[in-house]
Structures are given as structure tokens and as C-alpha cells.
Amino acid sequence: MIMKSRRAEQVLQAASFTNEYGYQYVCIDNACAAVELAEQDAEKRMREKAHKIVKEMMMTISKGNTPQKMADEFIQKLNER
């Protein structure tokens, strides 16, 4: 199994077992924990991507450290939910 979230993949690998027919099973609690980790990791990747995009967009209209500050402020506002 290949996942973008290494943490979720580790939880699933550690908590799963395969029967004699090759079917893989995992406890529902561990599956839920893996889903939570995958969601957290996906959200982190999206925030990093958003930061990069905002910074790049701001660099077209401003110079110096202003683009970095604007991108940082954008992510800070995003985190304030």
C-alpha cells in the first residue's frame, strides 16, 4: 500500500494482519487513527502549498520581504479557524 501520509501508512502496517487467504484486516480504531493522521498531513501539505502560491503571487507585485510576510499572514489567518 502506498500513501502520501507516511504516519497513516505506519499505523495501518503496524495494526493490520493478513489471514491465510491473503485478506488484510485492521482494527476500526486504528483505521480511524490512520484517517485522522492522513487528514492532518493532507491539511499540512495544502497549507504549505498555499503559502508558496501566495508568496509567488506577491513576488510579482512586491519586492523585499513583503511577499514572505504576506504569505505568513495568510497562513496565520488560515490557522485561526
N, C-alpha and C. Protein backbone atom coordinates (compact mmCIF):
# COMPACT_ATOMS: atom_id res chain seq x y z
N MET A 1 0.84 -1.17 0.00
CA MET A 1 0.00 0.00 0.00
C MET A 1 0.89 1.24 0.00
N ILE A 2 0.61 2.19 -0.89
CA ILE A 2 1.37 3.43 -0.96
C ILE A 2 0.44 4.58 -0.65
N MET A 3 0.83 5.37 0.34
CA MET A 3 0.02 6.51 0.76
C MET A 3 0.90 7.74 0.81
N LYS A 4 0.29 8.91 0.69
CA LYS A 4 1.03 10.16 0.83
C LYS A 4 1.39 10.41 2.29
N SER A 5 0.57 9.92 3.20
CA SER A 5 0.81 10.10 4.62
C SER A 5 1.60 8.91 5.16
N ARG A 6 2.87 9.15 5.43
CA ARG A 6 3.72 8.09 5.99
C ARG A 6 3.22 7.68 7.38
N ARG A 7 2.77 8.66 8.15
CA ARG A 7 2.31 8.35 9.50
C ARG A 7 1.10 7.43 9.47
N ALA A 8 0.15 7.71 8.58
CA ALA A 8 -1.03 6.87 8.47
C ALA A 8 -0.65 5.48 7.97
N GLU A 9 0.25 5.43 7.02
CA GLU A 9 0.70 4.14 6.48
C GLU A 9 1.36 3.30 7.58
N GLN A 10 2.15 3.93 8.42
CA GLN A 10 2.81 3.21 9.51
C GLN A 10 1.80 2.64 10.50
N VAL A 11 0.78 3.43 10.82
CA VAL A 11 -0.27 2.95 11.73
C VAL A 11 -0.97 1.73 11.13
N LEU A 12 -1.32 1.83 9.86
CA LEU A 12 -2.02 0.72 9.22
C LEU A 12 -1.14 -0.53 9.11
N GLN A 13 0.12 -0.36 8.79
CA GLN A 13 1.02 -1.50 8.69
C GLN A 13 1.22 -2.17 10.04
N ALA A 14 1.39 -1.36 11.07
CA ALA A 14 1.63 -1.91 12.40
C ALA A 14 0.38 -2.58 12.98
N ALA A 15 -0.79 -2.12 12.59
CA ALA A 15 -2.02 -2.60 13.21
C ALA A 15 -2.77 -3.63 12.37
N SER A 16 -2.28 -3.97 11.21
CA SER A 16 -3.03 -4.88 10.35
C SER A 16 -2.45 -6.29 10.38
N PHE A 17 -3.28 -7.23 9.97
CA PHE A 17 -2.81 -8.61 9.82
C PHE A 17 -3.48 -9.21 8.60
N THR A 18 -2.85 -10.21 8.05
CA THR A 18 -3.36 -10.87 6.85
C THR A 18 -3.71 -12.32 7.19
N ASN A 19 -4.88 -12.77 6.76
CA ASN A 19 -5.28 -14.15 7.02
C ASN A 19 -4.68 -15.09 5.98
N GLU A 20 -5.01 -16.36 6.10
CA GLU A 20 -4.41 -17.36 5.20
C GLU A 20 -4.86 -17.22 3.76
N TYR A 21 -5.91 -16.45 3.50
CA TYR A 21 -6.40 -16.23 2.14
C TYR A 21 -5.87 -14.94 1.51
N GLY A 22 -5.06 -14.22 2.27
CA GLY A 22 -4.46 -13.00 1.75
C GLY A 22 -5.27 -11.75 2.00
N TYR A 23 -6.37 -11.86 2.73
CA TYR A 23 -7.17 -10.68 3.07
C TYR A 23 -6.52 -9.96 4.24
N GLN A 24 -6.42 -8.64 4.12
CA GLN A 24 -5.80 -7.84 5.15
C GLN A 24 -6.87 -7.19 6.02
N TYR A 25 -6.67 -7.23 7.32
CA TYR A 25 -7.63 -6.68 8.28
C TYR A 25 -6.93 -5.66 9.17
N VAL A 26 -7.72 -4.69 9.63
CA VAL A 26 -7.22 -3.70 10.57
C VAL A 26 -8.36 -3.34 11.53
N CYS A 27 -8.02 -3.11 12.79
CA CYS A 27 -9.00 -2.71 13.80
C CYS A 27 -9.58 -1.35 13.43
N ILE A 28 -10.87 -1.17 13.67
CA ILE A 28 -11.55 0.08 13.30
C ILE A 28 -10.92 1.29 14.01
N ASP A 29 -10.51 1.12 15.25
CA ASP A 29 -9.88 2.24 15.98
C ASP A 29 -8.58 2.67 15.31
N ASN A 30 -7.80 1.69 14.87
CA ASN A 30 -6.54 2.02 14.18
C ASN A 30 -6.80 2.62 12.81
N ALA A 31 -7.83 2.16 12.13
CA ALA A 31 -8.19 2.73 10.83
C ALA A 31 -8.62 4.18 11.01
N CYS A 32 -9.40 4.46 12.04
CA CYS A 32 -9.83 5.84 12.31
C CYS A 32 -8.63 6.73 12.65
N ALA A 33 -7.69 6.19 13.43
CA ALA A 33 -6.49 6.95 13.78
C ALA A 33 -5.68 7.25 12.51
N ALA A 34 -5.59 6.28 11.62
CA ALA A 34 -4.85 6.47 10.37
C ALA A 34 -5.52 7.54 9.50
N VAL A 35 -6.84 7.53 9.47
CA VAL A 35 -7.57 8.54 8.70
C VAL A 35 -7.31 9.93 9.26
N GLU A 36 -7.34 10.05 10.58
CA GLU A 36 -7.06 11.35 11.22
C GLU A 36 -5.66 11.85 10.85
N LEU A 37 -4.68 10.96 10.93
CA LEU A 37 -3.31 11.34 10.59
C LEU A 37 -3.21 11.74 9.12
N ALA A 38 -3.86 11.00 8.25
CA ALA A 38 -3.83 11.31 6.82
C ALA A 38 -4.46 12.67 6.55
N GLU A 39 -5.57 12.97 7.25
CA GLU A 39 -6.21 14.27 7.08
C GLU A 39 -5.30 15.40 7.57
N GLN A 40 -4.65 15.20 8.71
CA GLN A 40 -3.73 16.22 9.24
C GLN A 40 -2.58 16.46 8.27
N ASP A 41 -2.03 15.37 7.74
CA ASP A 41 -0.92 15.51 6.81
C ASP A 41 -1.35 16.19 5.51
N ALA A 42 -2.54 15.86 5.03
CA ALA A 42 -3.05 16.49 3.81
C ALA A 42 -3.28 17.99 4.04
N GLU A 43 -3.82 18.32 5.20
CA GLU A 43 -4.03 19.74 5.52
C GLU A 43 -2.70 20.48 5.59
N LYS A 44 -1.70 19.86 6.18
CA LYS A 44 -0.38 20.48 6.27
C LYS A 44 0.20 20.71 4.87
N ARG A 45 0.07 19.71 4.01
CA ARG A 45 0.58 19.86 2.64
C ARG A 45 -0.15 20.98 1.91
N MET A 46 -1.45 21.10 2.11
CA MET A 46 -2.22 22.15 1.44
C MET A 46 -1.84 23.53 1.95
N ARG A 47 -1.59 23.66 3.24
CA ARG A 47 -1.16 24.94 3.80
C ARG A 47 0.21 25.34 3.26
N GLU A 48 1.11 24.37 3.17
CA GLU A 48 2.43 24.66 2.61
C GLU A 48 2.33 25.09 1.15
N LYS A 49 1.45 24.43 0.42
CA LYS A 49 1.25 24.76 -0.99
C LYS A 49 0.63 26.15 -1.11
N ALA A 50 -0.35 26.45 -0.26
CA ALA A 50 -1.00 27.76 -0.29
C ALA A 50 0.02 28.86 0.05
N HIS A 51 0.85 28.60 1.02
CA HIS A 51 1.88 29.58 1.41
C HIS A 51 2.79 29.88 0.22
N LYS A 52 3.22 28.84 -0.45
CA LYS A 52 4.12 29.01 -1.60
C LYS A 52 3.44 29.79 -2.72
N ILE A 53 2.17 29.49 -2.99
CA ILE A 53 1.43 30.16 -4.06
C ILE A 53 1.24 31.64 -3.74
N VAL A 54 0.83 31.94 -2.50
CA VAL A 54 0.63 33.34 -2.11
C VAL A 54 1.95 34.10 -2.20
N LYS A 55 3.01 33.49 -1.72
CA LYS A 55 4.32 34.15 -1.78
C LYS A 55 4.73 34.43 -3.23
N GLU A 56 4.56 33.44 -4.11
CA GLU A 56 4.91 33.63 -5.51
C GLU A 56 4.06 34.71 -6.17
N MET A 57 2.77 34.74 -5.84
CA MET A 57 1.89 35.76 -6.40
C MET A 57 2.29 37.14 -5.92
N MET A 58 2.62 37.25 -4.65
CA MET A 58 3.01 38.55 -4.09
C MET A 58 4.35 39.02 -4.65
N MET A 59 5.21 38.10 -5.01
CA MET A 59 6.52 38.48 -5.56
C MET A 59 6.38 39.17 -6.92
N THR A 60 5.26 38.96 -7.59
CA THR A 60 5.05 39.62 -8.89
C THR A 60 4.67 41.09 -8.72
N ILE A 61 4.17 41.45 -7.53
CA ILE A 61 3.74 42.84 -7.33
C ILE A 61 4.53 43.57 -6.25
N SER A 62 5.38 42.85 -5.54
CA SER A 62 6.13 43.48 -4.45
C SER A 62 7.50 42.82 -4.32
N LYS A 63 8.43 43.56 -3.76
CA LYS A 63 9.80 43.06 -3.57
C LYS A 63 10.16 43.06 -2.09
N GLY A 64 11.36 42.64 -1.79
CA GLY A 64 11.84 42.60 -0.41
C GLY A 64 11.22 41.46 0.36
N ASN A 65 10.98 41.68 1.65
CA ASN A 65 10.41 40.61 2.47
C ASN A 65 8.89 40.69 2.58
N THR A 66 8.28 41.63 1.88
CA THR A 66 6.82 41.77 1.90
C THR A 66 6.10 40.51 1.43
N PRO A 67 6.51 39.88 0.33
CA PRO A 67 5.82 38.64 -0.09
C PRO A 67 5.84 37.56 1.00
N GLN A 68 6.98 37.40 1.66
CA GLN A 68 7.09 36.41 2.74
C GLN A 68 6.14 36.76 3.88
N LYS A 69 6.12 38.04 4.26
CA LYS A 69 5.24 38.48 5.35
C LYS A 69 3.77 38.26 5.00
N MET A 70 3.40 38.57 3.76
CA MET A 70 2.01 38.39 3.33
C MET A 70 1.62 36.91 3.33
N ALA A 71 2.52 36.07 2.85
CA ALA A 71 2.25 34.63 2.83
C ALA A 71 2.14 34.09 4.25
N ASP A 72 3.01 34.55 5.14
CA ASP A 72 2.96 34.12 6.54
C ASP A 72 1.65 34.56 7.20
N GLU A 73 1.25 35.80 6.92
CA GLU A 73 0.00 36.32 7.48
C GLU A 73 -1.21 35.55 6.95
N PHE A 74 -1.17 35.22 5.66
CA PHE A 74 -2.25 34.43 5.07
C PHE A 74 -2.40 33.10 5.79
N ILE A 75 -1.30 32.40 6.01
CA ILE A 75 -1.35 31.10 6.69
C ILE A 75 -1.78 31.27 8.14
N GLN A 76 -1.34 32.33 8.78
CA GLN A 76 -1.76 32.59 10.16
C GLN A 76 -3.27 32.76 10.23
N LYS A 77 -3.83 33.53 9.30
CA LYS A 77 -5.29 33.73 9.26
C LYS A 77 -6.00 32.41 8.98
N LEU A 78 -5.42 31.61 8.11
CA LEU A 78 -5.99 30.30 7.79
C LEU A 78 -6.03 29.40 9.02
N ASN A 79 -5.02 29.51 9.85
CA ASN A 79 -4.92 28.68 11.07
C ASN A 79 -5.83 29.14 12.19
N GLU A 80 -6.39 30.34 12.08
CA GLU A 80 -7.22 30.90 13.15
C GLU A 80 -8.64 30.35 13.21
N ARG A 81 -8.97 29.46 12.39
CA ARG A 81 -10.34 28.93 12.33
C ARG A 81 -10.90 28.79 13.66
